[in-house]
Amino acid sequence: MADDDTPPKPASTEPKGADDPTTPDAADNKDAKDTKDASGGSTGAPDTTTASGGDASDKDTPSSDSPPAAPSTPPLSTALNPQIVQAVGTTNHAVLNGAIPGANGVAYQKVAQAAAYAVQDSTDYMRSIMSMASATTGVAMQKMLATKEVQPYSDIIEAASKAVTDAQKTFTSVGTSASSVVKDFDSMA
């Protein structure tokens, strides 16, 4: 030691790791050192005096027996394997982007099915009207031949024929409307 002319370094009063940026508590200790006093100036160290001039150690200070601060956990994206994160992102992208055309296709199928039901119902209606008109015409003609009277049976036959014509118009109108709805929906989807 006689050859060394450098004076020994004084022992630091700060806790170990206060200025070491690699320790988890370094940021907390740095923040504690840079607190501002009541006048607004930075002291560079924790304020150790109170407004009455007494020492801050007289007040309630945390004891050295308190547990150390928990180390900060890394963000979730860096804690996970990047390949897993990418795989989940790719899967989400594929599912969500594939869902839109699929949803449009399902909606289109539902509209087309509803239109088909409307046409089918109007077909059933027309078939029922034609069956009743046929039966009515047959009975009216039988009565006409039996009684050898035209009236009121000709009016009944005419009303039955008109009911069939109206059912045909309804069928055409429903079919045209259903087709139009499906085509318009297809262009919106």
C-alpha atoms as a PDB file:
ATOM      1  CA  MET A   1       0.000   0.000   0.000  1.00  0.00           C
ATOM      2  CA  ALA A   2       2.900   2.312   0.373  1.00  0.00           C
ATOM      3  CA  ASP A   3       3.395   2.447  -3.398  1.00  0.00           C
ATOM      4  CA  ASP A   4      -0.167   3.524  -4.006  1.00  0.00           C
ATOM      5  CA  ASP A   5      -0.567   7.328  -3.646  1.00  0.00           C
ATOM      6  CA  THR A   6      -4.318   7.267  -4.331  1.00  0.00           C
ATOM      7  CA  PRO A   7      -6.407   7.998  -1.276  1.00  0.00           C
ATOM      8  CA  PRO A   8      -8.990   5.337  -0.402  1.00  0.00           C
ATOM      9  CA  LYS A   9     -12.560   6.027  -1.519  1.00  0.00           C
ATOM     10  CA  PRO A  10     -14.980   6.918   1.236  1.00  0.00           C
ATOM     11  CA  ALA A  11     -17.744   4.434   1.960  1.00  0.00           C
ATOM     12  CA  SER A  12     -21.013   5.365   0.271  1.00  0.00           C
ATOM     13  CA  THR A  13     -23.989   6.137   2.473  1.00  0.00           C
ATOM     14  CA  GLU A  14     -26.456   5.320  -0.285  1.00  0.00           C
ATOM     15  CA  PRO A  15     -27.970   1.866  -0.459  1.00  0.00           C
ATOM     16  CA  LYS A  16     -26.246  -0.504  -2.818  1.00  0.00           C
ATOM     17  CA  GLY A  17     -27.617  -0.336  -6.337  1.00  0.00           C
ATOM     18  CA  ALA A  18     -29.041   3.182  -6.068  1.00  0.00           C
ATOM     19  CA  ASP A  19     -27.134   4.438  -9.114  1.00  0.00           C
ATOM     20  CA  ASP A  20     -26.736   1.079 -10.812  1.00  0.00           C
ATOM     21  CA  PRO A  21     -29.177   1.121 -13.764  1.00  0.00           C
ATOM     22  CA  THR A  22     -29.214  -2.674 -13.949  1.00  0.00           C
ATOM     23  CA  THR A  23     -30.904  -3.174 -10.588  1.00  0.00           C
ATOM     24  CA  PRO A  24     -34.719  -3.159 -10.575  1.00  0.00           C
ATOM     25  CA  ASP A  25     -34.861  -0.605  -7.747  1.00  0.00           C
ATOM     26  CA  ALA A  26     -32.552   1.889  -9.478  1.00  0.00           C
ATOM     27  CA  ALA A  27     -35.433   3.827 -11.014  1.00  0.00           C
ATOM     28  CA  ASP A  28     -37.246   3.991  -7.670  1.00  0.00           C
ATOM     29  CA  ASN A  29     -34.120   5.213  -5.841  1.00  0.00           C
ATOM     30  CA  LYS A  30     -33.365   7.764  -8.557  1.00  0.00           C
ATOM     31  CA  ASP A  31     -36.908   9.123  -8.261  1.00  0.00           C
ATOM     32  CA  ALA A  32     -36.505   9.364  -4.495  1.00  0.00           C
ATOM     33  CA  LYS A  33     -33.232  11.315  -4.894  1.00  0.00           C
ATOM     34  CA  ASP A  34     -34.740  13.766  -7.354  1.00  0.00           C
ATOM     35  CA  THR A  35     -37.651  14.854  -5.183  1.00  0.00           C
ATOM     36  CA  LYS A  36     -38.286  18.561  -4.852  1.00  0.00           C
ATOM     37  CA  ASP A  37     -38.356  20.450  -1.627  1.00  0.00           C
ATOM     38  CA  ALA A  38     -41.078  22.905  -0.629  1.00  0.00           C
ATOM     39  CA  SER A  39     -39.369  25.817  -2.395  1.00  0.00           C
ATOM     40  CA  GLY A  40     -39.541  23.998  -5.739  1.00  0.00           C
ATOM     41  CA  GLY A  41     -35.822  23.366  -6.180  1.00  0.00           C
ATOM     42  CA  SER A  42     -34.367  19.962  -6.708  1.00  0.00           C
ATOM     43  CA  THR A  43     -32.277  18.806  -3.814  1.00  0.00           C
ATOM     44  CA  GLY A  44     -30.707  15.821  -5.530  1.00  0.00           C
ATOM     45  CA  ALA A  45     -31.279  13.817  -2.341  1.00  0.00           C
ATOM     46  CA  PRO A  46     -34.263  13.000  -0.183  1.00  0.00           C
ATOM     47  CA  ASP A  47     -35.442  15.915   1.929  1.00  0.00           C
ATOM     48  CA  THR A  48     -34.352  15.253   5.495  1.00  0.00           C
ATOM     49  CA  THR A  49     -35.766  18.347   7.170  1.00  0.00           C
ATOM     50  CA  THR A  50     -39.282  19.225   8.111  1.00  0.00           C
ATOM     51  CA  ALA A  51     -40.997  22.602   8.109  1.00  0.00           C
ATOM     52  CA  SER A  52     -40.201  23.060  11.809  1.00  0.00           C
ATOM     53  CA  GLY A  53     -36.527  22.443  11.195  1.00  0.00           C
ATOM     54  CA  GLY A  54     -36.508  19.031  12.802  1.00  0.00           C
ATOM     55  CA  ASP A  55     -35.017  15.914  11.300  1.00  0.00           C
ATOM     56  CA  ALA A  56     -37.267  13.830   9.015  1.00  0.00           C
ATOM     57  CA  SER A  57     -36.116  10.709  10.765  1.00  0.00           C
ATOM     58  CA  ASP A  58     -38.280  11.774  13.702  1.00  0.00           C
ATOM     59  CA  LYS A  59     -41.395  11.311  11.570  1.00  0.00           C
ATOM     60  CA  ASP A  60     -42.943   8.078  10.356  1.00  0.00           C
ATOM     61  CA  THR A  61     -40.385   6.628   7.992  1.00  0.00           C
ATOM     62  CA  PRO A  62     -40.449   3.164   6.574  1.00  0.00           C
ATOM     63  CA  SER A  63     -38.363   0.807   8.620  1.00  0.00           C
ATOM     64  CA  SER A  64     -35.574  -1.210   7.166  1.00  0.00           C
ATOM     65  CA  ASP A  65     -37.655  -4.304   7.979  1.00  0.00           C
ATOM     66  CA  SER A  66     -40.144  -3.564   5.149  1.00  0.00           C
ATOM     67  CA  PRO A  67     -40.064  -6.066   2.281  1.00  0.00           C
ATOM     68  CA  PRO A  68     -38.147  -5.022  -0.826  1.00  0.00           C
ATOM     69  CA  ALA A  69     -40.092  -3.814  -3.847  1.00  0.00           C
ATOM     70  CA  ALA A  70     -41.146  -6.569  -6.227  1.00  0.00           C
ATOM     71  CA  PRO A  71     -39.138  -6.628  -9.444  1.00  0.00           C
ATOM     72  CA  SER A  72     -41.086  -5.315 -12.392  1.00  0.00           C
ATOM     73  CA  THR A  73     -42.367  -7.993 -14.752  1.00  0.00           C
ATOM     74  CA  PRO A  74     -41.601  -7.691 -18.456  1.00  0.00           C
ATOM     75  CA  PRO A  75     -44.452  -6.863 -20.844  1.00  0.00           C
ATOM     76  CA  LEU A  76     -46.489  -9.833 -21.953  1.00  0.00           C
ATOM     77  CA  SER A  77     -45.326  -9.601 -25.565  1.00  0.00           C
ATOM     78  CA  THR A  78     -41.679 -10.027 -24.566  1.00  0.00           C
ATOM     79  CA  ALA A  79     -42.418 -12.696 -21.980  1.00  0.00           C
ATOM     80  CA  LEU A  80     -43.988 -15.007 -24.577  1.00  0.00           C
ATOM     81  CA  ASN A  81     -42.324 -16.820 -27.412  1.00  0.00           C
ATOM     82  CA  PRO A  82     -42.574 -14.521 -30.478  1.00  0.00           C
ATOM     83  CA  GLN A  83     -43.534 -17.463 -32.684  1.00  0.00           C
ATOM     84  CA  ILE A  84     -46.552 -18.173 -30.467  1.00  0.00           C
ATOM     85  CA  VAL A  85     -47.586 -14.507 -30.531  1.00  0.00           C
ATOM     86  CA  GLN A  86     -47.281 -14.470 -34.324  1.00  0.00           C
ATOM     87  CA  ALA A  87     -49.239 -17.726 -34.672  1.00  0.00           C
ATOM     88  CA  VAL A  88     -52.106 -16.389 -32.527  1.00  0.00           C
ATOM     89  CA  GLY A  89     -52.132 -13.122 -34.489  1.00  0.00           C
ATOM     90  CA  THR A  90     -52.179 -14.966 -37.811  1.00  0.00           C
ATOM     91  CA  THR A  91     -55.011 -17.216 -36.629  1.00  0.00           C
ATOM     92  CA  ASN A  92     -57.066 -14.240 -35.410  1.00  0.00           C
ATOM     93  CA  HIS A  93     -56.513 -12.433 -38.705  1.00  0.00           C
ATOM     94  CA  ALA A  94     -57.546 -15.461 -40.755  1.00  0.00           C
ATOM     95  CA  VAL A  95     -60.648 -16.152 -38.650  1.00  0.00           C
ATOM     96  CA  LEU A  96     -61.868 -12.552 -38.503  1.00  0.00           C
ATOM     97  CA  ASN A  97     -61.228 -11.779 -42.168  1.00  0.00           C
ATOM     98  CA  GLY A  98     -62.806 -15.060 -43.220  1.00  0.00           C
ATOM     99  CA  ALA A  99     -65.863 -14.430 -41.053  1.00  0.00           C
ATOM    100  CA  ILE A 100     -67.102 -11.427 -43.036  1.00  0.00           C
ATOM    101  CA  PRO A 101     -67.615 -13.213 -46.375  1.00  0.00           C
ATOM    102  CA  GLY A 102     -68.971 -16.216 -44.521  1.00  0.00           C
ATOM    103  CA  ALA A 103     -71.447 -14.060 -42.626  1.00  0.00           C
ATOM    104  CA  ASN A 104     -72.522 -12.379 -45.864  1.00  0.00           C
ATOM    105  CA  GLY A 105     -72.983 -15.794 -47.462  1.00  0.00           C
ATOM    106  CA  VAL A 106     -75.135 -17.012 -44.568  1.00  0.00           C
ATOM    107  CA  ALA A 107     -77.236 -13.834 -44.684  1.00  0.00           C
ATOM    108  CA  TYR A 108     -77.681 -14.196 -48.453  1.00  0.00           C
ATOM    109  CA  GLN A 109     -78.767 -17.809 -48.025  1.00  0.00           C
ATOM    110  CA  LYS A 110     -81.331 -16.793 -45.384  1.00  0.00           C
ATOM    111  CA  VAL A 111     -82.775 -14.070 -47.639  1.00  0.00           C
ATOM    112  CA  ALA A 112     -82.897 -16.450 -50.605  1.00  0.00           C
ATOM    113  CA  GLN A 113     -84.569 -19.093 -48.449  1.00  0.00           C
ATOM    114  CA  ALA A 114     -87.184 -16.581 -47.207  1.00  0.00           C
ATOM    115  CA  ALA A 115     -87.891 -15.538 -50.802  1.00  0.00           C
ATOM    116  CA  ALA A 116     -88.250 -19.189 -51.799  1.00  0.00           C
ATOM    117  CA  TYR A 117     -90.714 -19.738 -48.931  1.00  0.00           C
ATOM    118  CA  ALA A 118     -92.761 -16.744 -50.138  1.00  0.00           C
ATOM    119  CA  VAL A 119     -92.901 -18.149 -53.672  1.00  0.00           C
ATOM    120  CA  GLN A 120     -93.740 -21.594 -52.315  1.00  0.00           C
ATOM    121  CA  ASP A 121     -96.558 -20.175 -50.167  1.00  0.00           C
ATOM    122  CA  SER A 122     -98.012 -18.281 -53.116  1.00  0.00           C
ATOM    123  CA  THR A 123     -97.816 -21.479 -55.183  1.00  0.00           C
ATOM    124  CA  ASP A 124     -99.707 -23.344 -52.470  1.00  0.00           C
ATOM    125  CA  TYR A 125    -102.268 -20.533 -52.368  1.00  0.00           C
ATOM    126  CA  MET A 126    -102.756 -20.664 -56.142  1.00  0.00           C
ATOM    127  CA  ARG A 127    -103.067 -24.464 -56.063  1.00  0.00           C
ATOM    128  CA  SER A 128    -105.684 -24.266 -53.303  1.00  0.00           C
ATOM    129  CA  ILE A 129    -107.684 -21.608 -55.169  1.00  0.00           C
ATOM    130  CA  MET A 130    -107.535 -23.666 -58.368  1.00  0.00           C
ATOM    131  CA  SER A 131    -108.755 -26.764 -56.499  1.00  0.00           C
ATOM    132  CA  MET A 132    -111.670 -24.868 -54.940  1.00  0.00           C
ATOM    133  CA  ALA A 133    -112.526 -23.177 -58.244  1.00  0.00           C
ATOM    134  CA  SER A 134    -112.485 -26.511 -60.016  1.00  0.00           C
ATOM    135  CA  ALA A 135    -114.771 -28.082 -57.426  1.00  0.00           C
ATOM    136  CA  THR A 136    -117.071 -25.034 -57.423  1.00  0.00           C
ATOM    137  CA  THR A 137    -117.296 -25.002 -61.226  1.00  0.00           C
ATOM    138  CA  GLY A 138    -118.114 -28.720 -61.286  1.00  0.00           C
ATOM    139  CA  VAL A 139    -120.894 -28.414 -58.721  1.00  0.00           C
ATOM    140  CA  ALA A 140    -122.322 -25.287 -60.412  1.00  0.00           C
ATOM    141  CA  MET A 141    -122.381 -27.007 -63.827  1.00  0.00           C
ATOM    142  CA  GLN A 142    -124.054 -30.072 -62.332  1.00  0.00           C
ATOM    143  CA  LYS A 143    -126.775 -27.881 -60.786  1.00  0.00           C
ATOM    144  CA  MET A 144    -127.124 -25.933 -64.045  1.00  0.00           C
ATOM    145  CA  LEU A 145    -127.703 -29.134 -66.006  1.00  0.00           C
ATOM    146  CA  ALA A 146    -130.059 -30.563 -63.410  1.00  0.00           C
ATOM    147  CA  THR A 147    -132.235 -27.462 -63.118  1.00  0.00           C
ATOM    148  CA  LYS A 148    -131.818 -26.292 -66.703  1.00  0.00           C
ATOM    149  CA  GLU A 149    -131.284 -22.783 -65.344  1.00  0.00           C
ATOM    150  CA  VAL A 150    -128.218 -20.643 -66.069  1.00  0.00           C
ATOM    151  CA  GLN A 151    -128.661 -18.191 -63.237  1.00  0.00           C
ATOM    152  CA  PRO A 152    -127.226 -18.064 -60.522  1.00  0.00           C
ATOM    153  CA  TYR A 153    -124.762 -20.760 -61.566  1.00  0.00           C
ATOM    154  CA  SER A 154    -123.043 -18.777 -64.306  1.00  0.00           C
ATOM    155  CA  ASP A 155    -122.200 -16.041 -61.788  1.00  0.00           C
ATOM    156  CA  ILE A 156    -120.706 -18.690 -59.465  1.00  0.00           C
ATOM    157  CA  ILE A 157    -118.560 -20.127 -62.288  1.00  0.00           C
ATOM    158  CA  GLU A 158    -117.434 -16.609 -63.244  1.00  0.00           C
ATOM    159  CA  ALA A 159    -116.438 -15.826 -59.620  1.00  0.00           C
ATOM    160  CA  ALA A 160    -114.424 -19.072 -59.425  1.00  0.00           C
ATOM    161  CA  SER A 161    -112.573 -18.216 -62.644  1.00  0.00           C
ATOM    162  CA  LYS A 162    -111.842 -14.696 -61.341  1.00  0.00           C
ATOM    163  CA  ALA A 163    -110.409 -16.183 -58.107  1.00  0.00           C
ATOM    164  CA  VAL A 164    -107.996 -18.308 -60.177  1.00  0.00           C
ATOM    165  CA  THR A 165    -106.925 -15.268 -62.225  1.00  0.00           C
ATOM    166  CA  ASP A 166    -106.330 -13.251 -59.029  1.00  0.00           C
ATOM    167  CA  ALA A 167    -104.274 -16.119 -57.539  1.00  0.00           C
ATOM    168  CA  GLN A 168    -102.142 -16.191 -60.692  1.00  0.00           C
ATOM    169  CA  LYS A 169    -101.542 -12.413 -60.437  1.00  0.00           C
ATOM    170  CA  THR A 170    -100.609 -12.818 -56.771  1.00  0.00           C
ATOM    171  CA  PHE A 171     -98.202 -15.623 -57.655  1.00  0.00           C
ATOM    172  CA  THR A 172     -96.534 -13.485 -60.350  1.00  0.00           C
ATOM    173  CA  SER A 173     -96.307 -10.469 -58.047  1.00  0.00           C
ATOM    174  CA  VAL A 174     -94.789 -12.511 -55.186  1.00  0.00           C
ATOM    175  CA  GLY A 175     -92.297 -14.208 -57.517  1.00  0.00           C
ATOM    176  CA  THR A 176     -91.169 -10.888 -59.029  1.00  0.00           C
ATOM    177  CA  SER A 177     -90.843  -9.232 -55.617  1.00  0.00           C
ATOM    178  CA  ALA A 178     -88.935 -12.185 -54.130  1.00  0.00           C
ATOM    179  CA  SER A 179     -86.539 -12.237 -57.070  1.00  0.00           C
ATOM    180  CA  SER A 180     -85.982  -8.482 -56.759  1.00  0.00           C
ATOM    181  CA  VAL A 181     -85.273  -8.731 -53.022  1.00  0.00           C
ATOM    182  CA  VAL A 182     -82.701 -11.504 -53.536  1.00  0.00           C
ATOM    183  CA  LYS A 183     -80.951  -9.618 -56.371  1.00  0.00           C
ATOM    184  CA  ASP A 184     -80.865  -6.360 -54.375  1.00  0.00           C
ATOM    185  CA  PHE A 185     -79.532  -8.152 -51.305  1.00  0.00           C
ATOM    186  CA  ASP A 186     -76.823  -9.843 -53.375  1.00  0.00           C
ATOM    187  CA  SER A 187     -75.577  -6.446 -54.572  1.00  0.00           C
ATOM    188  CA  MET A 188     -75.549  -5.080 -50.986  1.00  0.00           C
ATOM    189  CA  ALA A 189     -73.667  -8.062 -49.525  1.00  0.00           C
END
